[in-house]
PDB file of N, CA and C in Angstrom:
ATOM      1  N   MET A   1      -9.951  12.500  -8.510  1.00  0.00           N
ATOM      2  CA  MET A   1      -9.023  12.025  -7.482  1.00  0.00           C
ATOM      3  C   MET A   1      -9.400  10.601  -7.093  1.00  0.00           C
ATOM      4  N   SER A   2      -8.376   9.652  -7.304  1.00  0.00           N
ATOM      5  CA  SER A   2      -8.663   8.297  -6.845  1.00  0.00           C
ATOM      6  C   SER A   2      -7.614   7.935  -5.740  1.00  0.00           C
ATOM      7  N   LEU A   3      -8.209   7.518  -4.583  1.00  0.00           N
ATOM      8  CA  LEU A   3      -7.393   7.046  -3.459  1.00  0.00           C
ATOM      9  C   LEU A   3      -7.393   5.452  -3.206  1.00  0.00           C
ATOM     10  N   ILE A   4      -6.134   4.998  -3.097  1.00  0.00           N
ATOM     11  CA  ILE A   4      -5.866   3.657  -2.702  1.00  0.00           C
ATOM     12  C   ILE A   4      -5.046   3.654  -1.351  1.00  0.00           C
ATOM     13  N   TYR A   5      -4.920   2.452  -0.786  1.00  0.00           N
ATOM     14  CA  TYR A   5      -4.380   2.391   0.612  1.00  0.00           C
ATOM     15  C   TYR A   5      -3.421   1.189   0.595  1.00  0.00           C
ATOM     16  N   HIS A   6      -2.304   1.548   1.520  1.00  0.00           N
ATOM     17  CA  HIS A   6      -1.432   0.360   1.780  1.00  0.00           C
ATOM     18  C   HIS A   6      -1.036   0.374   3.297  1.00  0.00           C
ATOM     19  N   ILE A   7      -1.075  -0.761   3.884  1.00  0.00           N
ATOM     20  CA  ILE A   7      -0.589  -0.938   5.144  1.00  0.00           C
ATOM     21  C   ILE A   7       0.815  -1.300   5.325  1.00  0.00           C
ATOM     22  N   THR A   8       1.512  -0.678   6.076  1.00  0.00           N
ATOM     23  CA  THR A   8       2.969  -0.995   6.357  1.00  0.00           C
ATOM     24  C   THR A   8       3.234  -0.643   7.877  1.00  0.00           C
ATOM     25  N   THR A   9       4.570  -0.645   8.254  1.00  0.00           N
ATOM     26  CA  THR A   9       4.930  -0.321   9.721  1.00  0.00           C
ATOM     27  C   THR A   9       5.508   1.216   9.588  1.00  0.00           C
ATOM     28  N   LYS A  10       5.295   1.761  10.849  1.00  0.00           N
ATOM     29  CA  LYS A  10       5.740   3.107  10.924  1.00  0.00           C
ATOM     30  C   LYS A  10       7.316   3.229  10.617  1.00  0.00           C
ATOM     31  N   GLU A  11       8.100   2.139  11.005  1.00  0.00           N
ATOM     32  CA  GLU A  11       9.638   2.177  10.733  1.00  0.00           C
ATOM     33  C   GLU A  11       9.863   2.009   9.252  1.00  0.00           C
ATOM     34  N   ALA A  12       8.981   1.363   8.466  1.00  0.00           N
ATOM     35  CA  ALA A  12       9.153   1.266   7.068  1.00  0.00           C
ATOM     36  C   ALA A  12       8.789   2.458   6.240  1.00  0.00           C
ATOM     37  N   TRP A  13       7.746   3.272   6.766  1.00  0.00           N
ATOM     38  CA  TRP A  13       7.348   4.657   6.266  1.00  0.00           C
ATOM     39  C   TRP A  13       8.380   5.563   6.568  1.00  0.00           C
ATOM     40  N   ASN A  14       8.893   5.608   7.824  1.00  0.00           N
ATOM     41  CA  ASN A  14      10.026   6.514   8.115  1.00  0.00           C
ATOM     42  C   ASN A  14      11.221   6.330   7.206  1.00  0.00           C
ATOM     43  N   ARG A  15      11.567   5.163   6.911  1.00  0.00           N
ATOM     44  CA  ARG A  15      12.709   4.833   6.006  1.00  0.00           C
ATOM     45  C   ARG A  15      12.395   5.310   4.555  1.00  0.00           C
ATOM     46  N   ALA A  16      11.115   5.246   4.115  1.00  0.00           N
ATOM     47  CA  ALA A  16      10.659   5.666   2.768  1.00  0.00           C
ATOM     48  C   ALA A  16      10.876   7.121   2.552  1.00  0.00           C
ATOM     49  N   LYS A  17      10.428   7.741   3.666  1.00  0.00           N
ATOM     50  CA  LYS A  17      10.461   9.410   3.672  1.00  0.00           C
ATOM     51  C   LYS A  17      12.005   9.863   3.682  1.00  0.00           C
ATOM     52  N   GLU A  18      12.752   8.968   4.209  1.00  0.00           N
ATOM     53  CA  GLU A  18      14.265   9.467   3.990  1.00  0.00           C
ATOM     54  C   GLU A  18      14.744   9.150   2.624  1.00  0.00           C
ATOM     55  N   LYS A  19      14.248   8.128   1.952  1.00  0.00           N
ATOM     56  CA  LYS A  19      14.671   7.805   0.719  1.00  0.00           C
ATOM     57  C   LYS A  19      13.869   8.438  -0.536  1.00  0.00           C
ATOM     58  N   GLY A  20      12.684   8.966  -0.183  1.00  0.00           N
ATOM     59  CA  GLY A  20      11.826   9.742  -1.093  1.00  0.00           C
ATOM     60  C   GLY A  20      10.979   8.740  -1.890  1.00  0.00           C
ATOM     61  N   ALA A  21      11.078   7.325  -1.544  1.00  0.00           N
ATOM     62  CA  ALA A  21      10.029   6.382  -2.004  1.00  0.00           C
ATOM     63  C   ALA A  21       9.860   5.212  -1.228  1.00  0.00           C
ATOM     64  N   TYR A  22       8.822   4.455  -1.213  1.00  0.00           N
ATOM     65  CA  TYR A  22       8.480   3.440  -0.448  1.00  0.00           C
ATOM     66  C   TYR A  22       8.466   2.187  -1.326  1.00  0.00           C
ATOM     67  N   GLU A  23       9.162   0.980  -0.859  1.00  0.00           N
ATOM     68  CA  GLU A  23       9.166  -0.203  -1.601  1.00  0.00           C
ATOM     69  C   GLU A  23       8.992  -1.140  -0.498  1.00  0.00           C
ATOM     70  N   ALA A  24       7.816  -2.073  -0.669  1.00  0.00           N
ATOM     71  CA  ALA A  24       7.575  -3.161   0.149  1.00  0.00           C
ATOM     72  C   ALA A  24       8.250  -4.333  -0.452  1.00  0.00           C
ATOM     73  N   THR A  25       8.459  -5.327   0.401  1.00  0.00           N
ATOM     74  CA  THR A  25       9.023  -6.621   0.063  1.00  0.00           C
ATOM     75  C   THR A  25       8.479  -7.305  -1.006  1.00  0.00           C
ATOM     76  N   SER A  26       7.202  -7.112  -1.098  1.00  0.00           N
ATOM     77  CA  SER A  26       6.399  -7.726  -2.343  1.00  0.00           C
ATOM     78  C   SER A  26       6.876  -7.226  -3.594  1.00  0.00           C
ATOM     79  N   LEU A  27       7.528  -6.092  -3.707  1.00  0.00           N
ATOM     80  CA  LEU A  27       7.923  -5.539  -4.940  1.00  0.00           C
ATOM     81  C   LEU A  27       9.111  -6.165  -5.591  1.00  0.00           C
ATOM     82  N   ALA A  28       9.928  -6.720  -4.742  1.00  0.00           N
ATOM     83  CA  ALA A  28      11.050  -7.632  -5.037  1.00  0.00           C
ATOM     84  C   ALA A  28      10.630  -8.963  -5.272  1.00  0.00           C
ATOM     85  N   ASP A  29       9.790  -9.526  -4.371  1.00  0.00           N
ATOM     86  CA  ASP A  29       9.227 -10.886  -4.408  1.00  0.00           C
ATOM     87  C   ASP A  29       8.229 -11.136  -5.601  1.00  0.00           C
ATOM     88  N   GLU A  30       7.337 -10.253  -5.833  1.00  0.00           N
ATOM     89  CA  GLU A  30       6.249 -10.416  -6.715  1.00  0.00           C
ATOM     90  C   GLU A  30       6.060  -9.577  -7.890  1.00  0.00           C
ATOM     91  N   GLY A  31       6.824  -8.369  -7.709  1.00  0.00           N
ATOM     92  CA  GLY A  31       6.886  -7.480  -8.888  1.00  0.00           C
ATOM     93  C   GLY A  31       5.870  -6.307  -8.694  1.00  0.00           C
ATOM     94  N   PHE A  32       5.182  -6.320  -7.500  1.00  0.00           N
ATOM     95  CA  PHE A  32       4.239  -5.193  -7.247  1.00  0.00           C
ATOM     96  C   PHE A  32       4.081  -4.971  -5.845  1.00  0.00           C
ATOM     97  N   ILE A  33       3.237  -3.934  -5.356  1.00  0.00           N
ATOM     98  CA  ILE A  33       2.998  -3.650  -3.944  1.00  0.00           C
ATOM     99  C   ILE A  33       1.524  -3.836  -4.017  1.00  0.00           C
ATOM    100  N   HIS A  34       1.208  -4.620  -2.883  1.00  0.00           N
ATOM    101  CA  HIS A  34      -0.278  -4.822  -2.673  1.00  0.00           C
ATOM    102  C   HIS A  34      -0.921  -3.709  -2.082  1.00  0.00           C
ATOM    103  N   CYS A  35      -2.052  -2.995  -2.473  1.00  0.00           N
ATOM    104  CA  CYS A  35      -2.762  -2.074  -1.940  1.00  0.00           C
ATOM    105  C   CYS A  35      -4.278  -2.649  -1.914  1.00  0.00           C
ATOM    106  N   ALA A  36      -5.140  -1.750  -1.370  1.00  0.00           N
ATOM    107  CA  ALA A  36      -6.561  -2.018  -1.176  1.00  0.00           C
ATOM    108  C   ALA A  36      -7.521  -0.862  -1.289  1.00  0.00           C
ATOM    109  N   GLN A  37      -8.637  -1.028  -1.826  1.00  0.00           N
ATOM    110  CA  GLN A  37      -9.595   0.057  -1.784  1.00  0.00           C
ATOM    111  C   GLN A  37      -9.987   0.247  -0.289  1.00  0.00           C
ATOM    112  N   GLU A  38     -10.695   1.325  -0.115  1.00  0.00           N
ATOM    113  CA  GLU A  38     -11.153   1.613   1.311  1.00  0.00           C
ATOM    114  C   GLU A  38     -11.805   0.584   1.932  1.00  0.00           C
ATOM    115  N   HIS A  39     -12.897   0.001   1.278  1.00  0.00           N
ATOM    116  CA  HIS A  39     -13.583  -1.052   1.894  1.00  0.00           C
ATOM    117  C   HIS A  39     -12.983  -2.473   2.056  1.00  0.00           C
ATOM    118  N   GLN A  40     -11.796  -2.495   1.544  1.00  0.00           N
ATOM    119  CA  GLN A  40     -10.919  -3.709   1.869  1.00  0.00           C
ATOM    120  C   GLN A  40      -9.862  -3.649   2.848  1.00  0.00           C
ATOM    121  N   VAL A  41      -9.659  -2.492   3.332  1.00  0.00           N
ATOM    122  CA  VAL A  41      -8.453  -2.299   4.278  1.00  0.00           C
ATOM    123  C   VAL A  41      -8.870  -3.075   5.631  1.00  0.00           C
ATOM    124  N   GLN A  42      -9.902  -3.280   6.174  1.00  0.00           N
ATOM    125  CA  GLN A  42     -10.168  -3.950   7.443  1.00  0.00           C
ATOM    126  C   GLN A  42      -9.973  -5.446   7.178  1.00  0.00           C
ATOM    127  N   GLY A  43     -10.310  -6.028   6.064  1.00  0.00           N
ATOM    128  CA  GLY A  43     -10.147  -7.269   5.713  1.00  0.00           C
ATOM    129  C   GLY A  43      -8.475  -7.634   5.603  1.00  0.00           C
ATOM    130  N   VAL A  44      -7.817  -6.691   4.918  1.00  0.00           N
ATOM    131  CA  VAL A  44      -6.439  -6.831   4.817  1.00  0.00           C
ATOM    132  C   VAL A  44      -5.762  -6.937   6.212  1.00  0.00           C
ATOM    133  N   LEU A  45      -6.218  -6.089   7.080  1.00  0.00           N
ATOM    134  CA  LEU A  45      -5.529  -5.876   8.458  1.00  0.00           C
ATOM    135  C   LEU A  45      -5.925  -7.167   9.069  1.00  0.00           C
ATOM    136  N   GLU A  46      -7.022  -7.782   9.175  1.00  0.00           N
ATOM    137  CA  GLU A  46      -7.390  -9.158   9.755  1.00  0.00           C
ATOM    138  C   GLU A  46      -6.685 -10.187   9.140  1.00  0.00           C
ATOM    139  N   ARG A  47      -6.398 -10.284   7.905  1.00  0.00           N
ATOM    140  CA  ARG A  47      -5.841 -11.578   7.263  1.00  0.00           C
ATOM    141  C   ARG A  47      -4.273 -11.513   7.354  1.00  0.00           C
ATOM    142  N   TYR A  48      -3.636 -10.298   7.314  1.00  0.00           N
ATOM    143  CA  TYR A  48      -2.150 -10.189   7.258  1.00  0.00           C
ATOM    144  C   TYR A  48      -1.465  -9.461   8.265  1.00  0.00           C
ATOM    145  N   PHE A  49      -2.241  -8.738   9.222  1.00  0.00           N
ATOM    146  CA  PHE A  49      -1.594  -7.892  10.180  1.00  0.00           C
ATOM    147  C   PHE A  49      -2.049  -8.161  11.578  1.00  0.00           C
ATOM    148  N   SER A  50      -2.699  -9.206  11.793  1.00  0.00           N
ATOM    149  CA  SER A  50      -3.458  -9.535  13.162  1.00  0.00           C
ATOM    150  C   SER A  50      -2.320  -9.442  14.115  1.00  0.00           C
ATOM    151  N   GLY A  51      -2.684  -8.741  15.198  1.00  0.00           N
ATOM    152  CA  GLY A  51      -1.621  -8.667  16.328  1.00  0.00           C
ATOM    153  C   GLY A  51      -0.372  -7.748  16.127  1.00  0.00           C
ATOM    154  N   GLN A  52      -0.207  -7.316  15.033  1.00  0.00           N
ATOM    155  CA  GLN A  52       0.883  -6.522  14.834  1.00  0.00           C
ATOM    156  C   GLN A  52       0.847  -4.928  15.343  1.00  0.00           C
ATOM    157  N   GLN A  53       1.932  -4.547  15.860  1.00  0.00           N
ATOM    158  CA  GLN A  53       1.903  -3.100  16.312  1.00  0.00           C
ATOM    159  C   GLN A  53       2.479  -2.045  15.447  1.00  0.00           C
ATOM    160  N   GLN A  54       2.401  -0.817  15.797  1.00  0.00           N
ATOM    161  CA  GLN A  54       3.039   0.099  15.106  1.00  0.00           C
ATOM    162  C   GLN A  54       2.933   0.210  13.525  1.00  0.00           C
ATOM    163  N   LEU A  55       1.565   0.109  13.145  1.00  0.00           N
ATOM    164  CA  LEU A  55       1.173   0.057  11.863  1.00  0.00           C
ATOM    165  C   LEU A  55       0.657   1.355  11.377  1.00  0.00           C
ATOM    166  N   VAL A  56       0.765   1.662  10.092  1.00  0.00           N
ATOM    167  CA  VAL A  56       0.248   2.894   9.373  1.00  0.00           C
ATOM    168  C   VAL A  56      -0.575   2.549   8.123  1.00  0.00           C
ATOM    169  N   LYS A  57      -1.371   3.454   7.914  1.00  0.00           N
ATOM    170  CA  LYS A  57      -2.242   3.203   6.583  1.00  0.00           C
ATOM    171  C   LYS A  57      -1.758   4.390   5.776  1.00  0.00           C
ATOM    172  N   LEU A  58      -1.128   4.033   4.594  1.00  0.00           N
ATOM    173  CA  LEU A  58      -0.714   5.163   3.452  1.00  0.00           C
ATOM    174  C   LEU A  58      -1.921   5.359   2.757  1.00  0.00           C
ATOM    175  N   ILE A  59      -2.335   6.584   2.576  1.00  0.00           N
ATOM    176  CA  ILE A  59      -3.383   7.027   1.683  1.00  0.00           C
ATOM    177  C   ILE A  59      -2.733   7.677   0.428  1.00  0.00           C
ATOM    178  N   ILE A  60      -2.846   6.820  -0.603  1.00  0.00           N
ATOM    179  CA  ILE A  60      -2.200   7.173  -1.828  1.00  0.00           C
ATOM    180  C   ILE A  60      -3.124   7.698  -2.822  1.00  0.00           C
ATOM    181  N   GLU A  61      -2.693   8.791  -3.501  1.00  0.00           N
ATOM    182  CA  GLU A  61      -3.462   9.536  -4.463  1.00  0.00           C
ATOM    183  C   GLU A  61      -2.924   8.933  -5.885  1.00  0.00           C
ATOM    184  N   THR A  62      -3.732   8.057  -6.607  1.00  0.00           N
ATOM    185  CA  THR A  62      -3.277   7.473  -7.769  1.00  0.00           C
ATOM    186  C   THR A  62      -2.705   8.262  -8.999  1.00  0.00           C
ATOM    187  N   ASP A  63      -3.436   9.509  -8.852  1.00  0.00           N
ATOM    188  CA  ASP A  63      -2.963  10.603  -9.974  1.00  0.00           C
ATOM    189  C   ASP A  63      -1.493  11.072  -9.758  1.00  0.00           C
ATOM    190  N   LEU A  64      -0.965  10.851  -8.657  1.00  0.00           N
ATOM    191  CA  LEU A  64       0.342  11.302  -8.298  1.00  0.00           C
ATOM    192  C   LEU A  64       1.388  10.260  -8.318  1.00  0.00           C
ATOM    193  N   LEU A  65       1.056   9.103  -8.693  1.00  0.00           N
ATOM    194  CA  LEU A  65       1.945   7.856  -8.762  1.00  0.00           C
ATOM    195  C   LEU A  65       2.748   8.077 -10.092  1.00  0.00           C
ATOM    196  N   LYS A  66       4.099   7.702  -9.946  1.00  0.00           N
ATOM    197  CA  LYS A  66       5.031   7.718 -11.083  1.00  0.00           C
ATOM    198  C   LYS A  66       5.001   6.228 -11.686  1.00  0.00           C
ATOM    199  N   SER A  67       4.677   5.357 -10.665  1.00  0.00           N
ATOM    200  CA  SER A  67       4.655   3.817 -10.924  1.00  0.00           C
ATOM    201  C   SER A  67       3.290   3.570 -11.552  1.00  0.00           C
ATOM    202  N   ARG A  68       3.300   2.607 -12.398  1.00  0.00           N
ATOM    203  CA  ARG A  68       2.014   2.071 -12.908  1.00  0.00           C
ATOM    204  C   ARG A  68       1.262   1.319 -11.858  1.00  0.00           C
ATOM    205  N   PHE A  69      -0.132   1.549 -11.787  1.00  0.00           N
ATOM    206  CA  PHE A  69      -0.860   0.794 -10.972  1.00  0.00           C
ATOM    207  C   PHE A  69      -2.126   0.200 -11.812  1.00  0.00           C
ATOM    208  N   ILE A  70      -2.491  -0.962 -11.502  1.00  0.00           N
ATOM    209  CA  ILE A  70      -3.542  -1.556 -12.057  1.00  0.00           C
ATOM    210  C   ILE A  70      -4.471  -2.451 -11.054  1.00  0.00           C
ATOM    211  N   PHE A  71      -5.741  -2.547 -11.288  1.00  0.00           N
ATOM    212  CA  PHE A  71      -6.515  -3.417 -10.536  1.00  0.00           C
ATOM    213  C   PHE A  71      -6.534  -4.815 -11.002  1.00  0.00           C
ATOM    214  N   GLU A  72      -6.192  -5.977 -10.172  1.00  0.00           N
ATOM    215  CA  GLU A  72      -6.091  -7.349 -10.548  1.00  0.00           C
ATOM    216  C   GLU A  72      -6.919  -8.179  -9.676  1.00  0.00           C
ATOM    217  N   TRP A  73      -7.360  -9.244 -10.146  1.00  0.00           N
ATOM    218  CA  TRP A  73      -8.289 -10.199  -9.662  1.00  0.00           C
ATOM    219  C   TRP A  73      -7.309 -11.018  -8.550  1.00  0.00           C
ATOM    220  N   SER A  74      -7.818 -11.209  -7.264  1.00  0.00           N
ATOM    221  CA  SER A  74      -7.023 -12.086  -6.350  1.00  0.00           C
ATOM    222  C   SER A  74      -7.991 -13.269  -6.121  1.00  0.00           C
ATOM    223  N   PRO A  75      -7.560 -14.510  -6.586  1.00  0.00           N
ATOM    224  CA  PRO A  75      -8.367 -15.652  -6.341  1.00  0.00           C
ATOM    225  C   PRO A  75      -8.525 -16.014  -5.063  1.00  0.00           C
ATOM    226  N   SER A  76      -7.733 -15.819  -4.161  1.00  0.00           N
ATOM    227  CA  SER A  76      -7.615 -16.017  -2.615  1.00  0.00           C
ATOM    228  C   SER A  76      -8.772 -15.483  -2.001  1.00  0.00           C
ATOM    229  N   THR A  77      -9.177 -14.250  -2.375  1.00  0.00           N
ATOM    230  CA  THR A  77     -10.186 -13.421  -1.710  1.00  0.00           C
ATOM    231  C   THR A  77     -11.447 -13.266  -2.530  1.00  0.00           C
ATOM    232  N   SER A  78     -11.393 -13.599  -3.885  1.00  0.00           N
ATOM    233  CA  SER A  78     -12.474 -13.415  -4.738  1.00  0.00           C
ATOM    234  C   SER A  78     -12.729 -11.961  -4.904  1.00  0.00           C
ATOM    235  N   ASP A  79     -11.840 -11.155  -5.166  1.00  0.00           N
ATOM    236  CA  ASP A  79     -11.890  -9.765  -5.287  1.00  0.00           C
ATOM    237  C   ASP A  79     -10.802  -9.097  -5.979  1.00  0.00           C
ATOM    238  N   THR A  80     -10.997  -7.909  -6.456  1.00  0.00           N
ATOM    239  CA  THR A  80     -10.095  -7.186  -7.229  1.00  0.00           C
ATOM    240  C   THR A  80      -9.262  -6.011  -6.409  1.00  0.00           C
ATOM    241  N   PHE A  81      -8.030  -6.118  -6.439  1.00  0.00           N
ATOM    242  CA  PHE A  81      -7.314  -5.247  -5.577  1.00  0.00           C
ATOM    243  C   PHE A  81      -6.346  -4.343  -6.477  1.00  0.00           C
ATOM    244  N   PRO A  82      -5.887  -3.055  -6.084  1.00  0.00           N
ATOM    245  CA  PRO A  82      -5.058  -2.347  -6.750  1.00  0.00           C
ATOM    246  C   PRO A  82      -3.463  -2.767  -6.394  1.00  0.00           C
ATOM    247  N   HIS A  83      -2.675  -2.882  -7.451  1.00  0.00           N
ATOM    248  CA  HIS A  83      -1.419  -3.258  -7.302  1.00  0.00           C
ATOM    249  C   HIS A  83      -0.425  -2.247  -8.025  1.00  0.00           C
ATOM    250  N   ILE A  84       0.603  -1.910  -7.364  1.00  0.00           N
ATOM    251  CA  ILE A  84       1.509  -0.781  -7.863  1.00  0.00           C
ATOM    252  C   ILE A  84       2.832  -1.334  -8.350  1.00  0.00           C
ATOM    253  N   TYR A  85       3.085  -1.315  -9.588  1.00  0.00           N
ATOM    254  CA  TYR A  85       4.324  -2.011 -10.279  1.00  0.00           C
ATOM    255  C   TYR A  85       5.371  -1.094 -10.308  1.00  0.00           C
ATOM    256  N   GLY A  86       5.940  -0.832  -8.978  1.00  0.00           N
ATOM    257  CA  GLY A  86       6.990  -0.048  -8.806  1.00  0.00           C
ATOM    258  C   GLY A  86       7.006   0.733  -7.505  1.00  0.00           C
ATOM    259  N   PRO A  87       8.041   1.665  -7.186  1.00  0.00           N
ATOM    260  CA  PRO A  87       7.995   2.201  -5.835  1.00  0.00           C
ATOM    261  C   PRO A  87       6.932   3.277  -5.766  1.00  0.00           C
ATOM    262  N   ILE A  88       6.519   3.540  -4.528  1.00  0.00           N
ATOM    263  CA  ILE A  88       5.499   4.463  -4.369  1.00  0.00           C
ATOM    264  C   ILE A  88       6.340   5.730  -3.778  1.00  0.00           C
ATOM    265  N   ASP A  89       6.263   6.878  -4.719  1.00  0.00           N
ATOM    266  CA  ASP A  89       6.959   7.988  -4.371  1.00  0.00           C
ATOM    267  C   ASP A  89       6.150   8.708  -3.203  1.00  0.00           C
ATOM    268  N   THR A  90       6.940   9.233  -2.221  1.00  0.00           N
ATOM    269  CA  THR A  90       6.438   9.768  -1.174  1.00  0.00           C
ATOM    270  C   THR A  90       5.384  10.965  -1.412  1.00  0.00           C
ATOM    271  N   GLU A  91       5.644  11.659  -2.477  1.00  0.00           N
ATOM    272  CA  GLU A  91       4.677  12.812  -2.844  1.00  0.00           C
ATOM    273  C   GLU A  91       3.282  12.221  -3.186  1.00  0.00           C
ATOM    274  N   ALA A  92       3.171  10.978  -3.471  1.00  0.00           N
ATOM    275  CA  ALA A  92       1.872  10.373  -3.938  1.00  0.00           C
ATOM    276  C   ALA A  92       1.059   9.895  -2.622  1.00  0.00           C
ATOM    277  N   VAL A  93       1.859   9.848  -1.578  1.00  0.00           N
ATOM    278  CA  VAL A  93       1.057   9.658  -0.163  1.00  0.00           C
ATOM    279  C   VAL A  93       0.645  10.890   0.360  1.00  0.00           C
ATOM    280  N   VAL A  94      -0.734  11.092   0.310  1.00  0.00           N
ATOM    281  CA  VAL A  94      -1.332  12.375   0.584  1.00  0.00           C
ATOM    282  C   VAL A  94      -1.756  12.450   2.220  1.00  0.00           C
ATOM    283  N   ASP A  95      -1.764  11.240   2.737  1.00  0.00           N
ATOM    284  CA  ASP A  95      -1.935  11.207   4.292  1.00  0.00           C
ATOM    285  C   ASP A  95      -1.371   9.830   4.977  1.00  0.00           C
ATOM    286  N   VAL A  96      -1.114   9.797   6.127  1.00  0.00           N
ATOM    287  CA  VAL A  96      -0.681   8.702   6.709  1.00  0.00           C
ATOM    288  C   VAL A  96      -1.365   8.521   8.122  1.00  0.00           C
ATOM    289  N   VAL A  97      -2.092   7.507   8.394  1.00  0.00           N
ATOM    290  CA  VAL A  97      -3.010   7.340   9.554  1.00  0.00           C
ATOM    291  C   VAL A  97      -2.440   6.200  10.460  1.00  0.00           C
ATOM    292  N   SER A  98      -2.178   6.513  11.505  1.00  0.00           N
ATOM    293  CA  SER A  98      -1.680   5.392  12.611  1.00  0.00           C
ATOM    294  C   SER A  98      -2.869   4.331  12.862  1.00  0.00           C
ATOM    295  N   ILE A  99      -2.498   3.175  12.951  1.00  0.00           N
ATOM    296  CA  ILE A  99      -3.592   2.080  13.280  1.00  0.00           C
ATOM    297  C   ILE A  99      -3.376   1.581  14.538  1.00  0.00           C
TER     298      ILE A  99
END
């Protein structure tokens, strides 16, 4: 079992539960959904979500994903991050933690 993480808003997650799948704006803009490994989550929060309210951390079981995911190098942070190339089926989200 391998877990990866994605930060979003409670509102976006609630919409995803109604649809059965989650799609971040980056999927349309960049072709994938940005995710993180556990040790990277705090840095993601600090860089991209500072001061935002009503956030949740999606805990995603990679074995349950229907969309392809791969680890890719991010030159801006000099680190490798998981990217999901397609929607995240709600069944692959094994837990949701309020931030």
